[in-house]
Amino acid sequence: MPSAKVLESKKQIVAELTEKLQNAASGVIVNYSGITVENDTKLRADLRKAGVEYAVIKNTMTKRACENVGYGELANVLEGMTAIAISKDDAVAPAKILKEYADKIDSFELKAGFVEGKVLDKDGIIELANIPSKEILVGKLLGSIQSPLYGLAYALQAIIDKNGEAAPAEEAAPAEA
């Protein structure tokens, strides 16, 4: 039977994880078995750079924290060697980075996760990871706004080229006598 100190420590871990889950934009649960120390170190560095917190926490404690915030559906994937990556700000970063490693390492597997209060299965996490970055989306939006303007400018220029130079204003207006 666990001592009071151990039990208190576990309660503290669950309370801290519960708070992190509540304040997170997204989180991803992975099976990290088979990852080398070198790859694990790179993975953690990439996640840190993106502002993502990555931790290996006992499945029972993670289950309790998930249940506390309404992500009870995640309990069925919390088996084996699991880790969780949580991001407060960027909803796409954990999925994108972890998917990159899952694609390279056969035994490293995306299991499930959540984004803005909604639980996602493995396919949902992969879909989330495939969303282009904010910068790319902004660029596409600006490009789509500029495109019609360029088209109008080219059309006006073609009319001017066809009809010759535009007449100066005083020549174009009929003289009043």
N, C-alpha and C. Protein backbone atom coordinates (compact mmCIF):
# COMPACT_ATOMS: atom_id res chain seq x y z
N MET A 1 0.85 -1.19 0.00
CA MET A 1 0.00 0.00 0.00
C MET A 1 0.90 1.24 0.00
N PRO A 2 0.59 2.22 -0.89
CA PRO A 2 1.46 3.39 -0.99
C PRO A 2 1.38 4.25 0.27
N SER A 3 2.50 4.85 0.60
CA SER A 3 2.54 5.72 1.77
C SER A 3 1.78 7.01 1.47
N ALA A 4 1.50 7.78 2.50
CA ALA A 4 0.77 9.04 2.35
C ALA A 4 1.54 10.01 1.47
N LYS A 5 2.88 10.02 1.59
CA LYS A 5 3.70 10.93 0.78
C LYS A 5 3.59 10.58 -0.70
N VAL A 6 3.66 9.30 -1.02
CA VAL A 6 3.57 8.85 -2.42
C VAL A 6 2.20 9.19 -2.97
N LEU A 7 1.16 8.94 -2.20
CA LEU A 7 -0.20 9.22 -2.63
C LEU A 7 -0.39 10.72 -2.87
N GLU A 8 0.14 11.53 -1.97
CA GLU A 8 0.05 12.99 -2.11
C GLU A 8 0.80 13.45 -3.36
N SER A 9 1.95 12.85 -3.62
CA SER A 9 2.75 13.19 -4.79
C SER A 9 1.99 12.86 -6.07
N LYS A 10 1.35 11.70 -6.09
CA LYS A 10 0.56 11.31 -7.27
C LYS A 10 -0.62 12.25 -7.48
N LYS A 11 -1.29 12.64 -6.39
CA LYS A 11 -2.41 13.58 -6.50
C LYS A 11 -1.93 14.91 -7.06
N GLN A 12 -0.75 15.34 -6.64
CA GLN A 12 -0.18 16.59 -7.12
C GLN A 12 0.09 16.52 -8.63
N ILE A 13 0.67 15.40 -9.09
CA ILE A 13 0.96 15.21 -10.51
C ILE A 13 -0.33 15.26 -11.32
N VAL A 14 -1.38 14.57 -10.84
CA VAL A 14 -2.67 14.55 -11.54
C VAL A 14 -3.26 15.96 -11.58
N ALA A 15 -3.17 16.69 -10.46
CA ALA A 15 -3.71 18.06 -10.41
C ALA A 15 -2.98 18.97 -11.39
N GLU A 16 -1.66 18.87 -11.47
CA GLU A 16 -0.88 19.69 -12.39
C GLU A 16 -1.20 19.35 -13.85
N LEU A 17 -1.30 18.05 -14.15
CA LEU A 17 -1.63 17.63 -15.52
C LEU A 17 -3.04 18.07 -15.88
N THR A 18 -3.97 17.97 -14.94
CA THR A 18 -5.34 18.42 -15.18
C THR A 18 -5.36 19.89 -15.57
N GLU A 19 -4.61 20.70 -14.84
CA GLU A 19 -4.55 22.13 -15.13
C GLU A 19 -3.95 22.39 -16.51
N LYS A 20 -2.89 21.66 -16.84
CA LYS A 20 -2.25 21.82 -18.16
C LYS A 20 -3.22 21.45 -19.28
N LEU A 21 -3.97 20.38 -19.10
CA LEU A 21 -4.93 19.94 -20.10
C LEU A 21 -6.05 20.97 -20.28
N GLN A 22 -6.51 21.55 -19.17
CA GLN A 22 -7.57 22.55 -19.23
C GLN A 22 -7.13 23.79 -20.00
N ASN A 23 -5.87 24.17 -19.85
CA ASN A 23 -5.36 25.40 -20.47
C ASN A 23 -4.74 25.17 -21.84
N ALA A 24 -4.76 23.95 -22.32
CA ALA A 24 -4.08 23.62 -23.58
C ALA A 24 -4.96 23.87 -24.80
N ALA A 25 -4.30 24.29 -25.88
CA ALA A 25 -4.99 24.40 -27.18
C ALA A 25 -5.13 23.01 -27.78
N SER A 26 -4.10 22.17 -27.55
CA SER A 26 -4.15 20.81 -28.07
C SER A 26 -3.17 19.92 -27.33
N GLY A 27 -3.34 18.62 -27.55
CA GLY A 27 -2.44 17.64 -26.98
C GLY A 27 -2.48 16.37 -27.81
N VAL A 28 -1.36 15.65 -27.80
CA VAL A 28 -1.26 14.42 -28.58
C VAL A 28 -0.63 13.34 -27.71
N ILE A 29 -1.22 12.16 -27.75
CA ILE A 29 -0.69 11.01 -27.02
C ILE A 29 -0.01 10.09 -28.02
N VAL A 30 1.20 9.66 -27.68
CA VAL A 30 1.97 8.78 -28.57
C VAL A 30 2.46 7.55 -27.83
N ASN A 31 2.74 6.50 -28.62
CA ASN A 31 3.45 5.34 -28.13
C ASN A 31 4.90 5.58 -28.53
N TYR A 32 5.77 5.77 -27.55
CA TYR A 32 7.15 6.16 -27.86
C TYR A 32 8.12 4.99 -27.86
N SER A 33 7.63 3.77 -27.84
CA SER A 33 8.55 2.62 -27.80
C SER A 33 9.40 2.56 -29.07
N GLY A 34 10.63 2.13 -28.90
CA GLY A 34 11.51 1.95 -30.04
C GLY A 34 12.25 3.19 -30.49
N ILE A 35 12.04 4.33 -29.84
CA ILE A 35 12.74 5.54 -30.24
C ILE A 35 14.12 5.54 -29.57
N THR A 36 15.13 5.87 -30.33
CA THR A 36 16.49 5.90 -29.78
C THR A 36 16.66 7.14 -28.91
N VAL A 37 17.67 7.12 -28.06
CA VAL A 37 17.96 8.27 -27.21
C VAL A 37 18.25 9.49 -28.08
N GLU A 38 18.98 9.29 -29.15
CA GLU A 38 19.33 10.39 -30.06
C GLU A 38 18.07 11.02 -30.66
N ASN A 39 17.16 10.18 -31.17
CA ASN A 39 15.91 10.69 -31.74
C ASN A 39 15.02 11.33 -30.68
N ASP A 40 14.99 10.73 -29.49
CA ASP A 40 14.19 11.28 -28.41
C ASP A 40 14.69 12.67 -28.01
N THR A 41 16.00 12.83 -27.97
CA THR A 41 16.60 14.12 -27.63
C THR A 41 16.23 15.16 -28.69
N LYS A 42 16.33 14.78 -29.97
CA LYS A 42 15.96 15.70 -31.07
C LYS A 42 14.48 16.05 -30.99
N LEU A 43 13.64 15.03 -30.76
CA LEU A 43 12.19 15.23 -30.66
C LEU A 43 11.88 16.23 -29.55
N ARG A 44 12.44 16.02 -28.39
CA ARG A 44 12.18 16.92 -27.26
C ARG A 44 12.65 18.35 -27.57
N ALA A 45 13.79 18.48 -28.24
CA ALA A 45 14.30 19.81 -28.61
C ALA A 45 13.35 20.50 -29.59
N ASP A 46 12.87 19.75 -30.59
CA ASP A 46 11.93 20.32 -31.58
C ASP A 46 10.63 20.76 -30.90
N LEU A 47 10.14 19.93 -29.99
CA LEU A 47 8.91 20.27 -29.27
C LEU A 47 9.12 21.51 -28.39
N ARG A 48 10.24 21.55 -27.70
CA ARG A 48 10.55 22.71 -26.84
C ARG A 48 10.59 24.01 -27.65
N LYS A 49 11.25 23.95 -28.82
CA LYS A 49 11.35 25.14 -29.70
C LYS A 49 9.97 25.63 -30.11
N ALA A 50 9.03 24.71 -30.26
CA ALA A 50 7.67 25.06 -30.68
C ALA A 50 6.78 25.42 -29.48
N GLY A 51 7.34 25.41 -28.27
CA GLY A 51 6.56 25.74 -27.08
C GLY A 51 5.64 24.62 -26.63
N VAL A 52 6.01 23.38 -26.97
CA VAL A 52 5.20 22.21 -26.62
C VAL A 52 5.85 21.48 -25.46
N GLU A 53 5.04 21.14 -24.46
CA GLU A 53 5.54 20.39 -23.31
C GLU A 53 5.31 18.90 -23.56
N TYR A 54 6.37 18.11 -23.38
CA TYR A 54 6.31 16.67 -23.67
C TYR A 54 6.72 15.93 -22.40
N ALA A 55 5.92 14.96 -21.99
CA ALA A 55 6.23 14.23 -20.76
C ALA A 55 5.74 12.79 -20.83
N VAL A 56 6.48 11.95 -20.13
CA VAL A 56 6.06 10.57 -19.93
C VAL A 56 5.49 10.53 -18.51
N ILE A 57 4.20 10.24 -18.42
CA ILE A 57 3.51 10.18 -17.13
C ILE A 57 2.77 8.86 -17.07
N LYS A 58 2.71 8.27 -15.88
CA LYS A 58 2.04 6.98 -15.75
C LYS A 58 0.63 7.06 -16.33
N ASN A 59 0.25 5.99 -17.04
CA ASN A 59 -1.05 5.95 -17.70
C ASN A 59 -2.21 6.17 -16.74
N THR A 60 -2.13 5.61 -15.55
CA THR A 60 -3.24 5.77 -14.59
C THR A 60 -3.43 7.23 -14.20
N MET A 61 -2.32 7.94 -14.04
CA MET A 61 -2.42 9.36 -13.68
C MET A 61 -2.93 10.19 -14.86
N THR A 62 -2.47 9.86 -16.06
CA THR A 62 -2.93 10.56 -17.25
C THR A 62 -4.43 10.32 -17.44
N LYS A 63 -4.88 9.07 -17.22
CA LYS A 63 -6.31 8.75 -17.33
C LYS A 63 -7.13 9.61 -16.38
N ARG A 64 -6.66 9.73 -15.13
CA ARG A 64 -7.42 10.52 -14.15
C ARG A 64 -7.50 11.98 -14.58
N ALA A 65 -6.39 12.53 -15.04
CA ALA A 65 -6.37 13.93 -15.48
C ALA A 65 -7.29 14.12 -16.68
N CYS A 66 -7.26 13.18 -17.63
CA CYS A 66 -8.13 13.27 -18.81
C CYS A 66 -9.60 13.22 -18.40
N GLU A 67 -9.93 12.34 -17.47
CA GLU A 67 -11.31 12.24 -16.99
C GLU A 67 -11.73 13.54 -16.29
N ASN A 68 -10.80 14.16 -15.56
CA ASN A 68 -11.11 15.40 -14.85
C ASN A 68 -11.51 16.54 -15.79
N VAL A 69 -10.98 16.53 -17.01
CA VAL A 69 -11.28 17.61 -17.96
C VAL A 69 -12.25 17.19 -19.06
N GLY A 70 -12.81 16.00 -18.96
CA GLY A 70 -13.82 15.57 -19.93
C GLY A 70 -13.26 14.85 -21.15
N TYR A 71 -12.03 14.38 -21.07
CA TYR A 71 -11.42 13.63 -22.18
C TYR A 71 -11.36 12.14 -21.84
N GLY A 72 -12.38 11.64 -21.18
CA GLY A 72 -12.41 10.24 -20.77
C GLY A 72 -12.24 9.26 -21.91
N GLU A 73 -12.62 9.69 -23.14
CA GLU A 73 -12.49 8.82 -24.32
C GLU A 73 -11.03 8.44 -24.59
N LEU A 74 -10.10 9.23 -24.09
CA LEU A 74 -8.68 8.95 -24.32
C LEU A 74 -8.17 7.78 -23.48
N ALA A 75 -8.93 7.36 -22.48
CA ALA A 75 -8.50 6.29 -21.59
C ALA A 75 -8.16 5.00 -22.34
N ASN A 76 -8.87 4.71 -23.42
CA ASN A 76 -8.65 3.45 -24.14
C ASN A 76 -7.32 3.42 -24.90
N VAL A 77 -6.65 4.56 -25.11
CA VAL A 77 -5.35 4.54 -25.78
C VAL A 77 -4.19 4.63 -24.80
N LEU A 78 -4.50 4.78 -23.53
CA LEU A 78 -3.46 4.91 -22.51
C LEU A 78 -3.01 3.55 -22.01
N GLU A 79 -2.34 2.84 -22.91
CA GLU A 79 -1.79 1.51 -22.59
C GLU A 79 -0.41 1.44 -23.19
N GLY A 80 0.48 0.75 -22.52
CA GLY A 80 1.84 0.60 -23.04
C GLY A 80 2.69 1.82 -22.72
N MET A 81 3.68 2.06 -23.55
CA MET A 81 4.62 3.15 -23.32
C MET A 81 4.10 4.43 -23.97
N THR A 82 3.39 5.24 -23.19
CA THR A 82 2.80 6.44 -23.76
C THR A 82 3.43 7.71 -23.20
N ALA A 83 3.40 8.73 -24.02
CA ALA A 83 3.84 10.06 -23.63
C ALA A 83 2.80 11.04 -24.14
N ILE A 84 2.77 12.22 -23.56
CA ILE A 84 1.80 13.23 -23.99
C ILE A 84 2.53 14.53 -24.29
N ALA A 85 2.12 15.16 -25.38
CA ALA A 85 2.66 16.46 -25.78
C ALA A 85 1.52 17.46 -25.72
N ILE A 86 1.75 18.57 -25.00
CA ILE A 86 0.69 19.56 -24.78
C ILE A 86 1.18 20.93 -25.21
N SER A 87 0.32 21.64 -25.95
CA SER A 87 0.65 23.00 -26.37
C SER A 87 -0.43 23.96 -25.89
N LYS A 88 0.00 25.04 -25.25
CA LYS A 88 -0.94 26.05 -24.79
C LYS A 88 -1.42 26.95 -25.93
N ASP A 89 -0.53 27.25 -26.86
CA ASP A 89 -0.81 28.27 -27.86
C ASP A 89 -1.07 27.74 -29.27
N ASP A 90 -0.19 26.90 -29.77
CA ASP A 90 -0.26 26.42 -31.15
C ASP A 90 -0.95 25.06 -31.20
N ALA A 91 -2.17 25.04 -31.72
CA ALA A 91 -2.95 23.81 -31.74
C ALA A 91 -2.39 22.76 -32.70
N VAL A 92 -1.61 23.19 -33.68
CA VAL A 92 -1.12 22.27 -34.71
C VAL A 92 0.28 21.72 -34.40
N ALA A 93 1.08 22.46 -33.67
CA ALA A 93 2.50 22.11 -33.46
C ALA A 93 2.73 20.70 -32.92
N PRO A 94 2.06 20.26 -31.84
CA PRO A 94 2.36 18.90 -31.34
C PRO A 94 2.08 17.83 -32.39
N ALA A 95 0.95 17.93 -33.07
CA ALA A 95 0.58 16.93 -34.08
C ALA A 95 1.58 16.93 -35.23
N LYS A 96 1.97 18.12 -35.69
CA LYS A 96 2.88 18.25 -36.83
C LYS A 96 4.25 17.64 -36.51
N ILE A 97 4.80 17.99 -35.36
CA ILE A 97 6.14 17.52 -34.98
C ILE A 97 6.13 16.02 -34.71
N LEU A 98 5.15 15.55 -33.95
CA LEU A 98 5.09 14.12 -33.62
C LEU A 98 4.81 13.27 -34.85
N LYS A 99 4.01 13.77 -35.78
CA LYS A 99 3.74 13.01 -37.01
C LYS A 99 5.02 12.86 -37.82
N GLU A 100 5.82 13.89 -37.84
CA GLU A 100 7.10 13.84 -38.56
C GLU A 100 7.97 12.69 -38.02
N TYR A 101 8.00 12.53 -36.71
CA TYR A 101 8.78 11.44 -36.11
C TYR A 101 8.11 10.09 -36.32
N ALA A 102 6.78 10.06 -36.25
CA ALA A 102 6.06 8.80 -36.47
C ALA A 102 6.27 8.30 -37.89
N ASP A 103 6.42 9.22 -38.85
CA ASP A 103 6.66 8.84 -40.24
C ASP A 103 8.06 8.24 -40.42
N LYS A 104 9.01 8.70 -39.61
CA LYS A 104 10.40 8.23 -39.72
C LYS A 104 10.68 6.96 -38.92
N ILE A 105 9.98 6.80 -37.79
CA ILE A 105 10.26 5.69 -36.86
C ILE A 105 9.04 4.78 -36.79
N ASP A 106 9.20 3.54 -37.29
CA ASP A 106 8.06 2.62 -37.38
C ASP A 106 7.36 2.36 -36.04
N SER A 107 8.12 2.19 -34.97
CA SER A 107 7.53 1.82 -33.68
C SER A 107 6.96 3.02 -32.93
N PHE A 108 7.30 4.23 -33.34
CA PHE A 108 6.78 5.45 -32.71
C PHE A 108 5.42 5.72 -33.35
N GLU A 109 4.37 5.77 -32.53
CA GLU A 109 3.02 5.79 -33.10
C GLU A 109 2.14 6.87 -32.48
N LEU A 110 1.46 7.63 -33.33
CA LEU A 110 0.43 8.56 -32.86
C LEU A 110 -0.75 7.72 -32.40
N LYS A 111 -1.33 8.05 -31.23
CA LYS A 111 -2.45 7.27 -30.73
C LYS A 111 -3.77 8.05 -30.79
N ALA A 112 -3.78 9.24 -30.20
CA ALA A 112 -4.99 10.06 -30.15
C ALA A 112 -4.60 11.43 -29.59
N GLY A 113 -5.60 12.26 -29.38
CA GLY A 113 -5.32 13.56 -28.80
C GLY A 113 -6.58 14.39 -28.69
N PHE A 114 -6.37 15.68 -28.53
CA PHE A 114 -7.49 16.60 -28.43
C PHE A 114 -7.06 17.95 -28.98
N VAL A 115 -8.04 18.70 -29.44
CA VAL A 115 -7.80 20.07 -29.89
C VAL A 115 -9.00 20.90 -29.49
N GLU A 116 -8.73 21.98 -28.77
CA GLU A 116 -9.75 22.92 -28.31
C GLU A 116 -11.00 22.22 -27.77
N GLY A 117 -10.78 21.27 -26.87
CA GLY A 117 -11.89 20.61 -26.18
C GLY A 117 -12.49 19.41 -26.89
N LYS A 118 -12.03 19.10 -28.08
CA LYS A 118 -12.59 17.97 -28.83
C LYS A 118 -11.57 16.84 -28.92
N VAL A 119 -11.99 15.63 -28.59
CA VAL A 119 -11.11 14.46 -28.66
C VAL A 119 -10.98 14.00 -30.10
N LEU A 120 -9.75 13.70 -30.51
CA LEU A 120 -9.48 13.22 -31.86
C LEU A 120 -8.84 11.84 -31.82
N ASP A 121 -9.21 11.00 -32.78
CA ASP A 121 -8.54 9.71 -32.89
C ASP A 121 -7.25 9.89 -33.69
N LYS A 122 -6.57 8.79 -33.98
CA LYS A 122 -5.30 8.86 -34.72
C LYS A 122 -5.47 9.57 -36.06
N ASP A 123 -6.52 9.25 -36.80
CA ASP A 123 -6.75 9.89 -38.10
C ASP A 123 -6.98 11.40 -37.96
N GLY A 124 -7.67 11.78 -36.90
CA GLY A 124 -7.91 13.20 -36.64
C GLY A 124 -6.62 13.94 -36.36
N ILE A 125 -5.71 13.29 -35.64
CA ILE A 125 -4.41 13.89 -35.34
C ILE A 125 -3.59 14.04 -36.63
N ILE A 126 -3.64 13.03 -37.48
CA ILE A 126 -2.91 13.10 -38.76
C ILE A 126 -3.48 14.24 -39.62
N GLU A 127 -4.80 14.37 -39.64
CA GLU A 127 -5.44 15.46 -40.38
C GLU A 127 -4.99 16.81 -39.84
N LEU A 128 -4.96 16.93 -38.52
CA LEU A 128 -4.51 18.16 -37.86
C LEU A 128 -3.07 18.47 -38.24
N ALA A 129 -2.22 17.44 -38.27
CA ALA A 129 -0.81 17.63 -38.60
C ALA A 129 -0.61 18.10 -40.04
N ASN A 130 -1.55 17.76 -40.91
CA ASN A 130 -1.42 18.12 -42.32
C ASN A 130 -1.93 19.53 -42.64
N ILE A 131 -2.47 20.22 -41.64
CA ILE A 131 -2.91 21.60 -41.86
C ILE A 131 -1.68 22.46 -42.09
N PRO A 132 -1.69 23.29 -43.13
CA PRO A 132 -0.53 24.16 -43.37
C PRO A 132 -0.32 25.13 -42.20
N SER A 133 0.90 25.61 -42.05
CA SER A 133 1.20 26.54 -40.96
C SER A 133 0.46 27.86 -41.17
N LYS A 134 0.38 28.64 -40.11
CA LYS A 134 -0.31 29.93 -40.15
C LYS A 134 0.29 30.83 -41.23
N GLU A 135 1.62 30.84 -41.33
CA GLU A 135 2.29 31.70 -42.31
C GLU A 135 1.89 31.31 -43.75
N ILE A 136 1.82 30.02 -44.01
CA ILE A 136 1.44 29.55 -45.35
C ILE A 136 -0.01 29.93 -45.65
N LEU A 137 -0.89 29.76 -44.66
CA LEU A 137 -2.30 30.12 -44.86
C LEU A 137 -2.47 31.61 -45.10
N VAL A 138 -1.73 32.45 -44.35
CA VAL A 138 -1.80 33.90 -44.56
C VAL A 138 -1.31 34.25 -45.97
N GLY A 139 -0.22 33.61 -46.40
CA GLY A 139 0.31 33.84 -47.74
C GLY A 139 -0.69 33.48 -48.82
N LYS A 140 -1.38 32.34 -48.64
CA LYS A 140 -2.40 31.93 -49.61
C LYS A 140 -3.55 32.92 -49.64
N LEU A 141 -3.95 33.40 -48.48
CA LEU A 141 -5.04 34.37 -48.41
C LEU A 141 -4.65 35.66 -49.13
N LEU A 142 -3.47 36.16 -48.85
CA LEU A 142 -3.01 37.38 -49.52
C LEU A 142 -2.90 37.17 -51.03
N GLY A 143 -2.42 36.01 -51.44
CA GLY A 143 -2.33 35.70 -52.86
C GLY A 143 -3.70 35.69 -53.52
N SER A 144 -4.69 35.13 -52.83
CA SER A 144 -6.03 35.07 -53.42
C SER A 144 -6.68 36.45 -53.46
N ILE A 145 -6.31 37.33 -52.53
CA ILE A 145 -6.83 38.70 -52.57
C ILE A 145 -6.17 39.48 -53.69
N GLN A 146 -4.87 39.29 -53.89
CA GLN A 146 -4.13 40.03 -54.92
C GLN A 146 -4.48 39.57 -56.33
N SER A 147 -4.79 38.32 -56.50
CA SER A 147 -5.01 37.77 -57.83
C SER A 147 -6.07 38.53 -58.64
N PRO A 148 -7.27 38.79 -58.11
CA PRO A 148 -8.26 39.53 -58.90
C PRO A 148 -7.80 40.96 -59.21
N LEU A 149 -7.05 41.58 -58.30
CA LEU A 149 -6.55 42.93 -58.54
C LEU A 149 -5.56 42.94 -59.70
N TYR A 150 -4.68 41.94 -59.72
CA TYR A 150 -3.74 41.84 -60.84
C TYR A 150 -4.49 41.62 -62.16
N GLY A 151 -5.51 40.79 -62.09
CA GLY A 151 -6.31 40.53 -63.29
C GLY A 151 -6.95 41.80 -63.82
N LEU A 152 -7.51 42.61 -62.92
CA LEU A 152 -8.12 43.89 -63.31
C LEU A 152 -7.06 44.82 -63.90
N ALA A 153 -5.90 44.90 -63.26
CA ALA A 153 -4.83 45.77 -63.75
C ALA A 153 -4.39 45.34 -65.15
N TYR A 154 -4.22 44.03 -65.36
CA TYR A 154 -3.83 43.54 -66.69
C TYR A 154 -4.90 43.85 -67.73
N ALA A 155 -6.18 43.70 -67.39
CA ALA A 155 -7.27 43.99 -68.32
C ALA A 155 -7.29 45.46 -68.70
N LEU A 156 -7.15 46.33 -67.71
CA LEU A 156 -7.12 47.77 -67.99
C LEU A 156 -5.92 48.13 -68.85
N GLN A 157 -4.78 47.53 -68.57
CA GLN A 157 -3.59 47.79 -69.36
C GLN A 157 -3.77 47.32 -70.81
N ALA A 158 -4.44 46.19 -70.98
CA ALA A 158 -4.69 45.67 -72.32
C ALA A 158 -5.59 46.62 -73.11
N ILE A 159 -6.60 47.20 -72.46
CA ILE A 159 -7.49 48.16 -73.12
C ILE A 159 -6.71 49.40 -73.52
N ILE A 160 -5.87 49.88 -72.62
CA ILE A 160 -5.05 51.05 -72.92
C ILE A 160 -4.12 50.76 -74.08
N ASP A 161 -3.47 49.60 -74.07
CA ASP A 161 -2.55 49.23 -75.14
C ASP A 161 -3.28 49.11 -76.49
N LYS A 162 -4.49 48.59 -76.47
CA LYS A 162 -5.26 48.40 -77.70
C LYS A 162 -5.70 49.73 -78.29
N ASN A 163 -6.16 50.63 -77.43
CA ASN A 163 -6.68 51.91 -77.88
C ASN A 163 -5.62 53.00 -77.96
N GLY A 164 -4.43 52.69 -77.66
CA GLY A 164 -3.38 53.70 -77.67
C GLY A 164 -3.35 54.42 -76.34
N GLU A 165 -2.49 55.41 -76.27
CA GLU A 165 -2.36 56.17 -75.02
C GLU A 165 -3.68 56.86 -74.71
N ALA A 166 -3.94 57.03 -73.44
CA ALA A 166 -5.14 57.77 -73.04
C ALA A 166 -4.92 59.24 -73.38
N ALA A 167 -5.94 59.87 -73.89
CA ALA A 167 -5.84 61.28 -74.28
C ALA A 167 -5.74 62.14 -73.04
N PRO A 168 -4.98 63.23 -73.11
CA PRO A 168 -4.93 64.13 -71.95
C PRO A 168 -6.32 64.68 -71.67
N ALA A 169 -6.56 65.09 -70.48
CA ALA A 169 -7.90 65.50 -70.04
C ALA A 169 -8.45 66.67 -70.85
N GLU A 170 -7.62 67.70 -71.18
CA GLU A 170 -8.17 68.85 -71.90
C GLU A 170 -8.53 68.50 -73.34
N GLU A 171 -7.85 67.58 -73.96
CA GLU A 171 -8.18 67.17 -75.34
C GLU A 171 -9.44 66.31 -75.37
N ALA A 172 -9.63 65.54 -74.33
CA ALA A 172 -10.75 64.61 -74.30
C ALA A 172 -12.07 65.34 -74.10
N ALA A 173 -12.05 66.45 -73.35
CA ALA A 173 -13.30 67.18 -73.07
C ALA A 173 -13.58 68.13 -74.24
N PRO A 174 -14.83 68.17 -74.76
CA PRO A 174 -15.15 69.09 -75.85
C PRO A 174 -15.09 70.55 -75.32
N ALA A 175 -14.55 71.42 -76.17
CA ALA A 175 -14.41 72.82 -75.78
C ALA A 175 -15.76 73.49 -75.84
N GLU A 176 -16.06 74.33 -74.84
CA GLU A 176 -17.32 75.09 -74.84
C GLU A 176 -17.05 76.46 -75.40
N ALA A 177 -17.89 76.91 -76.28
CA ALA A 177 -17.64 78.22 -76.89
C ALA A 177 -18.66 79.23 -76.49
